[in-house]
């Protein structure tokens, strides 16, 4: 049994960008877990309509 593991999870979210407005997109979270309890989010990114992968820091949460 591993004590520390890394898990990837994708969830649909609403994001807001100044150029496009409200955006419904799938956001992928990469989290570090200790005994299947999440400790830290290592990275989160989203995929655009054109297939590019972008960091989530350039857009704000809508709510």
C-alpha atoms as a PDB file:
ATOM      1  CA  UNK A   1       0.000   0.000   0.000  1.00  0.00           C
ATOM      2  CA  UNK A   2       1.342   3.398  -0.965  1.00  0.00           C
ATOM      3  CA  UNK A   3       1.327   6.147   1.613  1.00  0.00           C
ATOM      4  CA  UNK A   4       1.684   9.051  -0.821  1.00  0.00           C
ATOM      5  CA  UNK A   5      -0.003   9.021  -4.225  1.00  0.00           C
ATOM      6  CA  UNK A   6      -0.869  11.505  -6.968  1.00  0.00           C
ATOM      7  CA  UNK A   7      -4.359  11.586  -8.461  1.00  0.00           C
ATOM      8  CA  UNK A   8      -5.807  13.435 -11.450  1.00  0.00           C
ATOM      9  CA  UNK A   9      -9.465  14.498 -11.381  1.00  0.00           C
ATOM     10  CA  UNK A  10     -11.504  16.383 -14.009  1.00  0.00           C
ATOM     11  CA  UNK A  11     -14.579  18.450 -13.086  1.00  0.00           C
ATOM     12  CA  UNK A  12     -16.759  20.812 -15.143  1.00  0.00           C
ATOM     13  CA  UNK A  13     -16.611  24.396 -13.855  1.00  0.00           C
ATOM     14  CA  UNK A  14     -17.750  27.874 -14.767  1.00  0.00           C
ATOM     15  CA  UNK A  15     -14.860  30.285 -15.358  1.00  0.00           C
ATOM     16  CA  UNK A  16     -14.866  33.973 -16.262  1.00  0.00           C
ATOM     17  CA  UNK A  17     -12.407  35.557 -18.673  1.00  0.00           C
ATOM     18  CA  UNK A  18     -12.481  39.259 -19.553  1.00  0.00           C
ATOM     19  CA  UNK A  19     -12.290  38.592 -23.314  1.00  0.00           C
ATOM     20  CA  UNK A  20     -14.843  35.747 -23.591  1.00  0.00           C
ATOM     21  CA  UNK A  21     -17.081  36.287 -20.562  1.00  0.00           C
ATOM     22  CA  UNK A  22     -18.566  33.221 -18.847  1.00  0.00           C
ATOM     23  CA  UNK A  23     -16.925  29.991 -19.933  1.00  0.00           C
ATOM     24  CA  UNK A  24     -18.070  26.436 -19.194  1.00  0.00           C
ATOM     25  CA  UNK A  25     -14.987  24.214 -19.269  1.00  0.00           C
ATOM     26  CA  UNK A  26     -13.511  21.040 -17.830  1.00  0.00           C
ATOM     27  CA  UNK A  27     -10.772  21.733 -15.277  1.00  0.00           C
ATOM     28  CA  UNK A  28      -8.247  19.022 -14.410  1.00  0.00           C
ATOM     29  CA  UNK A  29      -6.750  18.995 -10.901  1.00  0.00           C
ATOM     30  CA  UNK A  30      -3.563  17.104 -10.021  1.00  0.00           C
ATOM     31  CA  UNK A  31      -3.547  16.465  -6.263  1.00  0.00           C
ATOM     32  CA  UNK A  32      -1.120  14.862  -3.843  1.00  0.00           C
ATOM     33  CA  UNK A  33      -2.769  12.422  -1.417  1.00  0.00           C
ATOM     34  CA  UNK A  34      -1.660  10.829   1.820  1.00  0.00           C
ATOM     35  CA  UNK A  35      -3.617   7.633   2.614  1.00  0.00           C
ATOM     36  CA  UNK A  36      -6.292   8.746   0.083  1.00  0.00           C
ATOM     37  CA  UNK A  37      -6.808  12.112   1.817  1.00  0.00           C
ATOM     38  CA  UNK A  38      -5.967  15.114  -0.376  1.00  0.00           C
ATOM     39  CA  UNK A  39      -3.106  17.220   0.956  1.00  0.00           C
ATOM     40  CA  UNK A  40      -2.148  19.681  -1.731  1.00  0.00           C
ATOM     41  CA  UNK A  41      -3.164  20.711  -5.254  1.00  0.00           C
ATOM     42  CA  UNK A  42      -0.033  20.519  -7.348  1.00  0.00           C
ATOM     43  CA  UNK A  43      -1.420  21.890 -10.629  1.00  0.00           C
ATOM     44  CA  UNK A  44      -4.718  22.733 -12.309  1.00  0.00           C
ATOM     45  CA  UNK A  45      -5.265  23.313 -15.983  1.00  0.00           C
ATOM     46  CA  UNK A  46      -8.008  23.508 -18.581  1.00  0.00           C
ATOM     47  CA  UNK A  47      -8.281  22.610 -22.230  1.00  0.00           C
ATOM     48  CA  UNK A  48      -9.546  25.244 -24.689  1.00  0.00           C
ATOM     49  CA  UNK A  49     -11.914  24.717 -27.597  1.00  0.00           C
ATOM     50  CA  UNK A  50      -8.922  24.518 -29.944  1.00  0.00           C
ATOM     51  CA  UNK A  51      -7.134  21.784 -27.985  1.00  0.00           C
ATOM     52  CA  UNK A  52      -4.591  24.051 -26.247  1.00  0.00           C
ATOM     53  CA  UNK A  53      -3.804  23.389 -22.599  1.00  0.00           C
ATOM     54  CA  UNK A  54      -3.867  26.540 -20.448  1.00  0.00           C
ATOM     55  CA  UNK A  55      -3.126  27.205 -16.806  1.00  0.00           C
ATOM     56  CA  UNK A  56      -6.124  28.262 -14.700  1.00  0.00           C
ATOM     57  CA  UNK A  57      -4.355  31.301 -13.269  1.00  0.00           C
ATOM     58  CA  UNK A  58      -5.296  33.479 -16.256  1.00  0.00           C
ATOM     59  CA  UNK A  59      -9.046  33.232 -15.568  1.00  0.00           C
ATOM     60  CA  UNK A  60     -11.042  34.001 -12.410  1.00  0.00           C
ATOM     61  CA  UNK A  61     -13.850  32.038 -10.798  1.00  0.00           C
ATOM     62  CA  UNK A  62     -17.267  33.286 -11.847  1.00  0.00           C
ATOM     63  CA  UNK A  63     -18.786  32.996  -8.376  1.00  0.00           C
END
